[in-house]
Structure formats: C-alpha cells, structure tokens
Amino acid sequence: VVDGGLTTAYLYDHLAEQWAVENPGR
C-alpha cells in the first residue's frame, strides 16, 4: 500500500503487463 491507501498492484499493474510483453513465456 502506498500513500493514499492505493495498492501497489493497482497503481503499477501495467508494469507486470510490460514485463509479460517484453519477456514472452518467462
């Protein structure tokens, strides 16, 4: 959780998606 009560997963889920696109199958 970061300031303001939002979760890091909510704020930065696009980074996990970026990883998946840039590293297919990993």
mmCIF file of all heavy atoms, coordinates in Angstrom:
data_MODEL
# 
_entry.id   MODEL 
# 
loop_
_atom_site.group_PDB 
_atom_site.id 
_atom_site.type_symbol 
_atom_site.label_atom_id 
_atom_site.label_alt_id 
_atom_site.label_comp_id 
_atom_site.label_asym_id 
_atom_site.label_entity_id 
_atom_site.label_seq_id 
_atom_site.pdbx_PDB_ins_code 
_atom_site.Cartn_x 
_atom_site.Cartn_y 
_atom_site.Cartn_z 
_atom_site.occupancy 
_atom_site.B_iso_or_equiv 
_atom_site.pdbx_formal_charge 
_atom_site.auth_seq_id 
_atom_site.auth_comp_id 
_atom_site.auth_asym_id 
_atom_site.auth_atom_id 
_atom_site.pdbx_PDB_model_num 
ATOM 1   N N   . VAL A 1 1  ? 0.845  -1.189  0.000   1.00 0.00 ? 1  VAL A N   1 
ATOM 2   C CA  . VAL A 1 1  ? 0.000  0.000   0.000   1.00 0.00 ? 1  VAL A CA  1 
ATOM 3   C C   . VAL A 1 1  ? 0.882  1.242   0.000   1.00 0.00 ? 1  VAL A C   1 
ATOM 4   O O   . VAL A 1 1  ? 1.883  1.293   0.703   1.00 0.00 ? 1  VAL A O   1 
ATOM 5   C CB  . VAL A 1 1  ? -0.925 0.012   1.240   1.00 0.00 ? 1  VAL A CB  1 
ATOM 6   C CG1 . VAL A 1 1  ? -1.793 1.253   1.248   1.00 0.00 ? 1  VAL A CG1 1 
ATOM 7   C CG2 . VAL A 1 1  ? -1.797 -1.239  1.273   1.00 0.00 ? 1  VAL A CG2 1 
ATOM 8   N N   . VAL A 1 2  ? 0.516  2.229   -0.809  1.00 0.00 ? 2  VAL A N   1 
ATOM 9   C CA  . VAL A 1 2  ? 1.263  3.483   -0.857  1.00 0.00 ? 2  VAL A CA  1 
ATOM 10  C C   . VAL A 1 2  ? 0.425  4.593   -0.243  1.00 0.00 ? 2  VAL A C   1 
ATOM 11  O O   . VAL A 1 2  ? -0.718 4.384   0.137   1.00 0.00 ? 2  VAL A O   1 
ATOM 12  C CB  . VAL A 1 2  ? 1.680  3.851   -2.302  1.00 0.00 ? 2  VAL A CB  1 
ATOM 13  C CG1 . VAL A 1 2  ? 2.628  2.819   -2.858  1.00 0.00 ? 2  VAL A CG1 1 
ATOM 14  C CG2 . VAL A 1 2  ? 0.473  3.992   -3.208  1.00 0.00 ? 2  VAL A CG2 1 
ATOM 15  N N   . ASP A 1 3  ? 0.983  5.782   -0.166  1.00 0.00 ? 3  ASP A N   1 
ATOM 16  C CA  . ASP A 1 3  ? 0.255  6.933   0.365   1.00 0.00 ? 3  ASP A CA  1 
ATOM 17  C C   . ASP A 1 3  ? -1.113 7.030   -0.305  1.00 0.00 ? 3  ASP A C   1 
ATOM 18  O O   . ASP A 1 3  ? -1.236 6.864   -1.508  1.00 0.00 ? 3  ASP A O   1 
ATOM 19  C CB  . ASP A 1 3  ? 1.025  8.228   0.096   1.00 0.00 ? 3  ASP A CB  1 
ATOM 20  C CG  . ASP A 1 3  ? 2.361  8.272   0.799   1.00 0.00 ? 3  ASP A CG  1 
ATOM 21  O OD1 . ASP A 1 3  ? 2.565  7.491   1.742   1.00 0.00 ? 3  ASP A OD1 1 
ATOM 22  O OD2 . ASP A 1 3  ? 3.213  9.086   0.401   1.00 0.00 ? 3  ASP A OD2 1 
ATOM 23  N N   . GLY A 1 4  ? -2.114 7.309   0.480   1.00 0.00 ? 4  GLY A N   1 
ATOM 24  C CA  . GLY A 1 4  ? -3.458 7.430   -0.079  1.00 0.00 ? 4  GLY A CA  1 
ATOM 25  C C   . GLY A 1 4  ? -4.231 6.129   -0.037  1.00 0.00 ? 4  GLY A C   1 
ATOM 26  O O   . GLY A 1 4  ? -5.388 6.086   -0.426  1.00 0.00 ? 4  GLY A O   1 
ATOM 27  N N   . GLY A 1 5  ? -3.605 5.050   0.412   1.00 0.00 ? 5  GLY A N   1 
ATOM 28  C CA  . GLY A 1 5  ? -4.300 3.785   0.574   1.00 0.00 ? 5  GLY A CA  1 
ATOM 29  C C   . GLY A 1 5  ? -4.439 2.938   -0.678  1.00 0.00 ? 5  GLY A C   1 
ATOM 30  O O   . GLY A 1 5  ? -5.053 1.878   -0.633  1.00 0.00 ? 5  GLY A O   1 
ATOM 31  N N   . LEU A 1 6  ? -3.916 3.375   -1.801  1.00 0.00 ? 6  LEU A N   1 
ATOM 32  C CA  . LEU A 1 6  ? -3.984 2.567   -3.016  1.00 0.00 ? 6  LEU A CA  1 
ATOM 33  C C   . LEU A 1 6  ? -2.937 1.464   -2.963  1.00 0.00 ? 6  LEU A C   1 
ATOM 34  O O   . LEU A 1 6  ? -1.856 1.653   -2.414  1.00 0.00 ? 6  LEU A O   1 
ATOM 35  C CB  . LEU A 1 6  ? -3.767 3.439   -4.248  1.00 0.00 ? 6  LEU A CB  1 
ATOM 36  C CG  . LEU A 1 6  ? -4.829 4.510   -4.485  1.00 0.00 ? 6  LEU A CG  1 
ATOM 37  C CD1 . LEU A 1 6  ? -4.423 5.409   -5.638  1.00 0.00 ? 6  LEU A CD1 1 
ATOM 38  C CD2 . LEU A 1 6  ? -6.185 3.885   -4.750  1.00 0.00 ? 6  LEU A CD2 1 
ATOM 39  N N   . THR A 1 7  ? -3.229 0.346   -3.568  1.00 0.00 ? 7  THR A N   1 
ATOM 40  C CA  . THR A 1 7  ? -2.260 -0.753  -3.556  1.00 0.00 ? 7  THR A CA  1 
ATOM 41  C C   . THR A 1 7  ? -1.240 -0.571  -4.678  1.00 0.00 ? 7  THR A C   1 
ATOM 42  O O   . THR A 1 7  ? -1.547 0.014   -5.725  1.00 0.00 ? 7  THR A O   1 
ATOM 43  C CB  . THR A 1 7  ? -2.947 -2.120  -3.725  1.00 0.00 ? 7  THR A CB  1 
ATOM 44  O OG1 . THR A 1 7  ? -3.530 -2.188  -5.028  1.00 0.00 ? 7  THR A OG1 1 
ATOM 45  C CG2 . THR A 1 7  ? -4.005 -2.354  -2.656  1.00 0.00 ? 7  THR A CG2 1 
ATOM 46  N N   . THR A 1 8  ? -0.058 -1.093  -4.452  1.00 0.00 ? 8  THR A N   1 
ATOM 47  C CA  . THR A 1 8  ? 0.970  -1.022  -5.489  1.00 0.00 ? 8  THR A CA  1 
ATOM 48  C C   . THR A 1 8  ? 0.548  -1.856  -6.702  1.00 0.00 ? 8  THR A C   1 
ATOM 49  O O   . THR A 1 8  ? 0.848  -1.484  -7.836  1.00 0.00 ? 8  THR A O   1 
ATOM 50  C CB  . THR A 1 8  ? 2.330  -1.515  -4.962  1.00 0.00 ? 8  THR A CB  1 
ATOM 51  O OG1 . THR A 1 8  ? 2.181  -2.806  -4.405  1.00 0.00 ? 8  THR A OG1 1 
ATOM 52  C CG2 . THR A 1 8  ? 2.883  -0.559  -3.918  1.00 0.00 ? 8  THR A CG2 1 
ATOM 53  N N   . ALA A 1 9  ? -0.160 -2.964  -6.462  1.00 0.00 ? 9  ALA A N   1 
ATOM 54  C CA  . ALA A 1 9  ? -0.627 -3.792  -7.578  1.00 0.00 ? 9  ALA A CA  1 
ATOM 55  C C   . ALA A 1 9  ? -1.580 -2.994  -8.468  1.00 0.00 ? 9  ALA A C   1 
ATOM 56  O O   . ALA A 1 9  ? -1.522 -3.075  -9.694  1.00 0.00 ? 9  ALA A O   1 
ATOM 57  C CB  . ALA A 1 9  ? -1.296 -5.051  -7.049  1.00 0.00 ? 9  ALA A CB  1 
ATOM 58  N N   . TYR A 1 10 ? -2.446 -2.192  -7.862  1.00 0.00 ? 10 TYR A N   1 
ATOM 59  C CA  . TYR A 1 10 ? -3.390 -1.372  -8.614  1.00 0.00 ? 10 TYR A CA  1 
ATOM 60  C C   . TYR A 1 10 ? -2.660 -0.282  -9.404  1.00 0.00 ? 10 TYR A C   1 
ATOM 61  O O   . TYR A 1 10 ? -2.934 -0.052  -10.577 1.00 0.00 ? 10 TYR A O   1 
ATOM 62  C CB  . TYR A 1 10 ? -4.414 -0.744  -7.665  1.00 0.00 ? 10 TYR A CB  1 
ATOM 63  C CG  . TYR A 1 10 ? -5.364 0.207   -8.340  1.00 0.00 ? 10 TYR A CG  1 
ATOM 64  C CD1 . TYR A 1 10 ? -6.451 -0.265  -9.067  1.00 0.00 ? 10 TYR A CD1 1 
ATOM 65  C CD2 . TYR A 1 10 ? -5.160 1.585   -8.275  1.00 0.00 ? 10 TYR A CD2 1 
ATOM 66  C CE1 . TYR A 1 10 ? -7.320 0.605   -9.704  1.00 0.00 ? 10 TYR A CE1 1 
ATOM 67  C CE2 . TYR A 1 10 ? -6.016 2.467   -8.907  1.00 0.00 ? 10 TYR A CE2 1 
ATOM 68  C CZ  . TYR A 1 10 ? -7.095 1.981   -9.615  1.00 0.00 ? 10 TYR A CZ  1 
ATOM 69  O OH  . TYR A 1 10 ? -7.935 2.843   -10.247 1.00 0.00 ? 10 TYR A OH  1 
ATOM 70  N N   . LEU A 1 11 ? -1.741 0.399   -8.751  1.00 0.00 ? 11 LEU A N   1 
ATOM 71  C CA  . LEU A 1 11 ? -1.042 1.516   -9.387  1.00 0.00 ? 11 LEU A CA  1 
ATOM 72  C C   . LEU A 1 11 ? -0.076 1.087   -10.485 1.00 0.00 ? 11 LEU A C   1 
ATOM 73  O O   . LEU A 1 11 ? 0.124  1.811   -11.460 1.00 0.00 ? 11 LEU A O   1 
ATOM 74  C CB  . LEU A 1 11 ? -0.270 2.325   -8.339  1.00 0.00 ? 11 LEU A CB  1 
ATOM 75  C CG  . LEU A 1 11 ? -1.109 3.145   -7.374  1.00 0.00 ? 11 LEU A CG  1 
ATOM 76  C CD1 . LEU A 1 11 ? -0.228 3.723   -6.280  1.00 0.00 ? 11 LEU A CD1 1 
ATOM 77  C CD2 . LEU A 1 11 ? -1.840 4.242   -8.115  1.00 0.00 ? 11 LEU A CD2 1 
ATOM 78  N N   . TYR A 1 12 ? 0.547  -0.071  -10.297 1.00 0.00 ? 12 TYR A N   1 
ATOM 79  C CA  . TYR A 1 12 ? 1.638  -0.445  -11.197 1.00 0.00 ? 12 TYR A CA  1 
ATOM 80  C C   . TYR A 1 12 ? 1.427  -1.782  -11.903 1.00 0.00 ? 12 TYR A C   1 
ATOM 81  O O   . TYR A 1 12 ? 2.378  -2.397  -12.364 1.00 0.00 ? 12 TYR A O   1 
ATOM 82  C CB  . TYR A 1 12 ? 2.960  -0.456  -10.415 1.00 0.00 ? 12 TYR A CB  1 
ATOM 83  C CG  . TYR A 1 12 ? 3.242  0.876   -9.764  1.00 0.00 ? 12 TYR A CG  1 
ATOM 84  C CD1 . TYR A 1 12 ? 3.273  1.014   -8.389  1.00 0.00 ? 12 TYR A CD1 1 
ATOM 85  C CD2 . TYR A 1 12 ? 3.452  2.014   -10.535 1.00 0.00 ? 12 TYR A CD2 1 
ATOM 86  C CE1 . TYR A 1 12 ? 3.507  2.237   -7.787  1.00 0.00 ? 12 TYR A CE1 1 
ATOM 87  C CE2 . TYR A 1 12 ? 3.675  3.249   -9.946  1.00 0.00 ? 12 TYR A CE2 1 
ATOM 88  C CZ  . TYR A 1 12 ? 3.712  3.353   -8.577  1.00 0.00 ? 12 TYR A CZ  1 
ATOM 89  O OH  . TYR A 1 12 ? 3.937  4.573   -7.991  1.00 0.00 ? 12 TYR A OH  1 
ATOM 90  N N   . ASP A 1 13 ? 0.167  -2.215  -12.038 1.00 0.00 ? 13 ASP A N   1 
ATOM 91  C CA  . ASP A 1 13 ? -0.088 -3.480  -12.718 1.00 0.00 ? 13 ASP A CA  1 
ATOM 92  C C   . ASP A 1 13 ? 0.356  -3.440  -14.176 1.00 0.00 ? 13 ASP A C   1 
ATOM 93  O O   . ASP A 1 13 ? 0.710  -4.445  -14.765 1.00 0.00 ? 13 ASP A O   1 
ATOM 94  C CB  . ASP A 1 13 ? -1.548 -3.898  -12.603 1.00 0.00 ? 13 ASP A CB  1 
ATOM 95  C CG  . ASP A 1 13 ? -2.502 -2.949  -13.322 1.00 0.00 ? 13 ASP A CG  1 
ATOM 96  O OD1 . ASP A 1 13 ? -2.124 -1.773  -13.539 1.00 0.00 ? 13 ASP A OD1 1 
ATOM 97  O OD2 . ASP A 1 13 ? -3.614 -3.376  -13.675 1.00 0.00 ? 13 ASP A OD2 1 
ATOM 98  N N   . HIS A 1 14 ? 0.386  -2.234  -14.775 1.00 0.00 ? 14 HIS A N   1 
ATOM 99  C CA  . HIS A 1 14 ? 0.836  -2.110  -16.162 1.00 0.00 ? 14 HIS A CA  1 
ATOM 100 C C   . HIS A 1 14 ? 2.311  -2.516  -16.315 1.00 0.00 ? 14 HIS A C   1 
ATOM 101 O O   . HIS A 1 14 ? 2.733  -2.940  -17.382 1.00 0.00 ? 14 HIS A O   1 
ATOM 102 C CB  . HIS A 1 14 ? 0.620  -0.685  -16.676 1.00 0.00 ? 14 HIS A CB  1 
ATOM 103 C CG  . HIS A 1 14 ? 1.405  0.347   -15.954 1.00 0.00 ? 14 HIS A CG  1 
ATOM 104 N ND1 . HIS A 1 14 ? 1.058  0.824   -14.701 1.00 0.00 ? 14 HIS A ND1 1 
ATOM 105 C CD2 . HIS A 1 14 ? 2.539  0.998   -16.291 1.00 0.00 ? 14 HIS A CD2 1 
ATOM 106 C CE1 . HIS A 1 14 ? 1.936  1.726   -14.316 1.00 0.00 ? 14 HIS A CE1 1 
ATOM 107 N NE2 . HIS A 1 14 ? 2.851  1.857   -15.257 1.00 0.00 ? 14 HIS A NE2 1 
ATOM 108 N N   . LEU A 1 15 ? 3.090  -2.435  -15.235 1.00 0.00 ? 15 LEU A N   1 
ATOM 109 C CA  . LEU A 1 15 ? 4.495  -2.833  -15.316 1.00 0.00 ? 15 LEU A CA  1 
ATOM 110 C C   . LEU A 1 15 ? 4.628  -4.347  -15.412 1.00 0.00 ? 15 LEU A C   1 
ATOM 111 O O   . LEU A 1 15 ? 5.506  -4.857  -16.105 1.00 0.00 ? 15 LEU A O   1 
ATOM 112 C CB  . LEU A 1 15 ? 5.270  -2.291  -14.112 1.00 0.00 ? 15 LEU A CB  1 
ATOM 113 C CG  . LEU A 1 15 ? 5.304  -0.761  -14.014 1.00 0.00 ? 15 LEU A CG  1 
ATOM 114 C CD1 . LEU A 1 15 ? 6.001  -0.323  -12.731 1.00 0.00 ? 15 LEU A CD1 1 
ATOM 115 C CD2 . LEU A 1 15 ? 5.971  -0.150  -15.231 1.00 0.00 ? 15 LEU A CD2 1 
ATOM 116 N N   . ALA A 1 16 ? 3.747  -5.074  -14.727 1.00 0.00 ? 16 ALA A N   1 
ATOM 117 C CA  . ALA A 1 16 ? 3.736  -6.537  -14.862 1.00 0.00 ? 16 ALA A CA  1 
ATOM 118 C C   . ALA A 1 16 ? 3.342  -6.922  -16.288 1.00 0.00 ? 16 ALA A C   1 
ATOM 119 O O   . ALA A 1 16 ? 3.914  -7.849  -16.874 1.00 0.00 ? 16 ALA A O   1 
ATOM 120 C CB  . ALA A 1 16 ? 2.784  -7.156  -13.842 1.00 0.00 ? 16 ALA A CB  1 
ATOM 121 N N   . GLU A 1 17 ? 2.381  -6.185  -16.847 1.00 0.00 ? 17 GLU A N   1 
ATOM 122 C CA  . GLU A 1 17 ? 1.984  -6.433  -18.232 1.00 0.00 ? 17 GLU A CA  1 
ATOM 123 C C   . GLU A 1 17 ? 3.136  -6.126  -19.185 1.00 0.00 ? 17 GLU A C   1 
ATOM 124 O O   . GLU A 1 17 ? 3.360  -6.845  -20.156 1.00 0.00 ? 17 GLU A O   1 
ATOM 125 C CB  . GLU A 1 17 ? 0.758  -5.593  -18.581 1.00 0.00 ? 17 GLU A CB  1 
ATOM 126 C CG  . GLU A 1 17 ? -0.476 -6.002  -17.824 1.00 0.00 ? 17 GLU A CG  1 
ATOM 127 C CD  . GLU A 1 17 ? -1.627 -5.018  -17.991 1.00 0.00 ? 17 GLU A CD  1 
ATOM 128 O OE1 . GLU A 1 17 ? -1.585 -4.182  -18.928 1.00 0.00 ? 17 GLU A OE1 1 
ATOM 129 O OE2 . GLU A 1 17 ? -2.553 -5.077  -17.177 1.00 0.00 ? 17 GLU A OE2 1 
ATOM 130 N N   . GLN A 1 18 ? 3.872  -5.051  -18.906 1.00 0.00 ? 18 GLN A N   1 
ATOM 131 C CA  . GLN A 1 18 ? 5.034  -4.697  -19.726 1.00 0.00 ? 18 GLN A CA  1 
ATOM 132 C C   . GLN A 1 18 ? 6.049  -5.832  -19.695 1.00 0.00 ? 18 GLN A C   1 
ATOM 133 O O   . GLN A 1 18 ? 6.595  -6.216  -20.733 1.00 0.00 ? 18 GLN A O   1 
ATOM 134 C CB  . GLN A 1 18 ? 5.673  -3.408  -19.214 1.00 0.00 ? 18 GLN A CB  1 
ATOM 135 C CG  . GLN A 1 18 ? 6.926  -3.010  -19.971 1.00 0.00 ? 18 GLN A CG  1 
ATOM 136 C CD  . GLN A 1 18 ? 7.601  -1.769  -19.381 1.00 0.00 ? 18 GLN A CD  1 
ATOM 137 O OE1 . GLN A 1 18 ? 6.970  -0.984  -18.680 1.00 0.00 ? 18 GLN A OE1 1 
ATOM 138 N NE2 . GLN A 1 18 ? 8.872  -1.615  -19.659 1.00 0.00 ? 18 GLN A NE2 1 
ATOM 139 N N   . TRP A 1 19 ? 6.313  -6.382  -18.502 1.00 0.00 ? 19 TRP A N   1 
ATOM 140 C CA  . TRP A 1 19 ? 7.246  -7.499  -18.371 1.00 0.00 ? 19 TRP A CA  1 
ATOM 141 C C   . TRP A 1 19 ? 6.781  -8.675  -19.228 1.00 0.00 ? 19 TRP A C   1 
ATOM 142 O O   . TRP A 1 19 ? 7.568  -9.276  -19.954 1.00 0.00 ? 19 TRP A O   1 
ATOM 143 C CB  . TRP A 1 19 ? 7.374  -7.923  -16.910 1.00 0.00 ? 19 TRP A CB  1 
ATOM 144 C CG  . TRP A 1 19 ? 8.148  -9.194  -16.760 1.00 0.00 ? 19 TRP A CG  1 
ATOM 145 C CD1 . TRP A 1 19 ? 7.653  -10.465 -16.689 1.00 0.00 ? 19 TRP A CD1 1 
ATOM 146 C CD2 . TRP A 1 19 ? 9.566  -9.337  -16.721 1.00 0.00 ? 19 TRP A CD2 1 
ATOM 147 N NE1 . TRP A 1 19 ? 8.670  -11.372 -16.600 1.00 0.00 ? 19 TRP A NE1 1 
ATOM 148 C CE2 . TRP A 1 19 ? 9.846  -10.714 -16.619 1.00 0.00 ? 19 TRP A CE2 1 
ATOM 149 C CE3 . TRP A 1 19 ? 10.622 -8.433  -16.756 1.00 0.00 ? 19 TRP A CE3 1 
ATOM 150 C CZ2 . TRP A 1 19 ? 11.144 -11.199 -16.541 1.00 0.00 ? 19 TRP A CZ2 1 
ATOM 151 C CZ3 . TRP A 1 19 ? 11.912 -8.932  -16.685 1.00 0.00 ? 19 TRP A CZ3 1 
ATOM 152 C CH2 . TRP A 1 19 ? 12.168 -10.280 -16.581 1.00 0.00 ? 19 TRP A CH2 1 
ATOM 153 N N   . ALA A 1 20 ? 5.496  -9.004  -19.143 1.00 0.00 ? 20 ALA A N   1 
ATOM 154 C CA  . ALA A 1 20 ? 4.958  -10.147 -19.886 1.00 0.00 ? 20 ALA A CA  1 
ATOM 155 C C   . ALA A 1 20 ? 5.108  -9.947  -21.398 1.00 0.00 ? 20 ALA A C   1 
ATOM 156 O O   . ALA A 1 20 ? 5.461  -10.891 -22.116 1.00 0.00 ? 20 ALA A O   1 
ATOM 157 C CB  . ALA A 1 20 ? 3.499  -10.374 -19.515 1.00 0.00 ? 20 ALA A CB  1 
ATOM 158 N N   . VAL A 1 21 ? 4.873  -8.741  -21.886 1.00 0.00 ? 21 VAL A N   1 
ATOM 159 C CA  . VAL A 1 21 ? 5.003  -8.454  -23.318 1.00 0.00 ? 21 VAL A CA  1 
ATOM 160 C C   . VAL A 1 21 ? 6.460  -8.516  -23.753 1.00 0.00 ? 21 VAL A C   1 
ATOM 161 O O   . VAL A 1 21 ? 6.793  -9.063  -24.806 1.00 0.00 ? 21 VAL A O   1 
ATOM 162 C CB  . VAL A 1 21 ? 4.384  -7.072  -23.650 1.00 0.00 ? 21 VAL A CB  1 
ATOM 163 C CG1 . VAL A 1 21 ? 4.757  -6.620  -25.046 1.00 0.00 ? 21 VAL A CG1 1 
ATOM 164 C CG2 . VAL A 1 21 ? 2.882  -7.112  -23.473 1.00 0.00 ? 21 VAL A CG2 1 
ATOM 165 N N   . GLU A 1 22 ? 7.357  -7.952  -22.937 1.00 0.00 ? 22 GLU A N   1 
ATOM 166 C CA  . GLU A 1 22 ? 8.771  -7.898  -23.304 1.00 0.00 ? 22 GLU A CA  1 
ATOM 167 C C   . GLU A 1 22 ? 9.496  -9.223  -23.097 1.00 0.00 ? 22 GLU A C   1 
ATOM 168 O O   . GLU A 1 22 ? 10.573 -9.427  -23.641 1.00 0.00 ? 22 GLU A O   1 
ATOM 169 C CB  . GLU A 1 22 ? 9.477  -6.802  -22.493 1.00 0.00 ? 22 GLU A CB  1 
ATOM 170 C CG  . GLU A 1 22 ? 9.027  -5.412  -22.869 1.00 0.00 ? 22 GLU A CG  1 
ATOM 171 C CD  . GLU A 1 22 ? 9.664  -4.328  -22.019 1.00 0.00 ? 22 GLU A CD  1 
ATOM 172 O OE1 . GLU A 1 22 ? 10.265 -4.643  -20.968 1.00 0.00 ? 22 GLU A OE1 1 
ATOM 173 O OE2 . GLU A 1 22 ? 9.553  -3.153  -22.414 1.00 0.00 ? 22 GLU A OE2 1 
ATOM 174 N N   . ASN A 1 23 ? 8.915  -10.113 -22.279 1.00 0.00 ? 23 ASN A N   1 
ATOM 175 C CA  . ASN A 1 23 ? 9.551  -11.393 -21.966 1.00 0.00 ? 23 ASN A CA  1 
ATOM 176 C C   . ASN A 1 23 ? 8.560  -12.529 -22.148 1.00 0.00 ? 23 ASN A C   1 
ATOM 177 O O   . ASN A 1 23 ? 8.198  -13.211 -21.183 1.00 0.00 ? 23 ASN A O   1 
ATOM 178 C CB  . ASN A 1 23 ? 10.064 -11.371 -20.516 1.00 0.00 ? 23 ASN A CB  1 
ATOM 179 C CG  . ASN A 1 23 ? 11.096 -10.303 -20.301 1.00 0.00 ? 23 ASN A CG  1 
ATOM 180 O OD1 . ASN A 1 23 ? 12.272 -10.492 -20.562 1.00 0.00 ? 23 ASN A OD1 1 
ATOM 181 N ND2 . ASN A 1 23 ? 10.656 -9.141  -19.825 1.00 0.00 ? 23 ASN A ND2 1 
ATOM 182 N N   . PRO A 1 24 ? 8.095  -12.753 -23.380 1.00 0.00 ? 24 PRO A N   1 
ATOM 183 C CA  . PRO A 1 24 ? 7.069  -13.775 -23.606 1.00 0.00 ? 24 PRO A CA  1 
ATOM 184 C C   . PRO A 1 24 ? 7.541  -15.161 -23.146 1.00 0.00 ? 24 PRO A C   1 
ATOM 185 O O   . PRO A 1 24 ? 8.675  -15.550 -23.388 1.00 0.00 ? 24 PRO A O   1 
ATOM 186 C CB  . PRO A 1 24 ? 6.832  -13.742 -25.120 1.00 0.00 ? 24 PRO A CB  1 
ATOM 187 C CG  . PRO A 1 24 ? 7.963  -12.984 -25.704 1.00 0.00 ? 24 PRO A CG  1 
ATOM 188 C CD  . PRO A 1 24 ? 8.567  -12.150 -24.619 1.00 0.00 ? 24 PRO A CD  1 
ATOM 189 N N   . GLY A 1 25 ? 6.670  -15.832 -22.428 1.00 0.00 ? 25 GLY A N   1 
ATOM 190 C CA  . GLY A 1 25 ? 6.984  -17.176 -21.962 1.00 0.00 ? 25 GLY A CA  1 
ATOM 191 C C   . GLY A 1 25 ? 7.824  -17.230 -20.698 1.00 0.00 ? 25 GLY A C   1 
ATOM 192 O O   . GLY A 1 25 ? 8.053  -18.302 -20.153 1.00 0.00 ? 25 GLY A O   1 
ATOM 193 N N   . ARG A 1 26 ? 8.311  -16.091 -20.220 1.00 0.00 ? 26 ARG A N   1 
ATOM 194 C CA  . ARG A 1 26 ? 9.118  -16.045 -18.993 1.00 0.00 ? 26 ARG A CA  1 
ATOM 195 C C   . ARG A 1 26 ? 8.258  -15.592 -17.830 1.00 0.00 ? 26 ARG A C   1 
ATOM 196 O O   . ARG A 1 26 ? 7.578  -14.580 -17.917 1.00 0.00 ? 26 ARG A O   1 
ATOM 197 C CB  . ARG A 1 26 ? 10.271 -15.055 -19.140 1.00 0.00 ? 26 ARG A CB  1 
ATOM 198 C CG  . ARG A 1 26 ? 11.552 -15.683 -19.590 1.00 0.00 ? 26 ARG A CG  1 
ATOM 199 C CD  . ARG A 1 26 ? 12.662 -14.668 -19.697 1.00 0.00 ? 26 ARG A CD  1 
ATOM 200 N NE  . ARG A 1 26 ? 13.272 -14.390 -18.392 1.00 0.00 ? 26 ARG A NE  1 
ATOM 201 C CZ  . ARG A 1 26 ? 14.076 -13.381 -18.156 1.00 0.00 ? 26 ARG A CZ  1 
ATOM 202 N NH1 . ARG A 1 26 ? 14.352 -12.525 -19.110 1.00 0.00 ? 26 ARG A NH1 1 
ATOM 203 N NH2 . ARG A 1 26 ? 14.615 -13.219 -16.980 1.00 0.00 ? 26 ARG A NH2 1 
# 
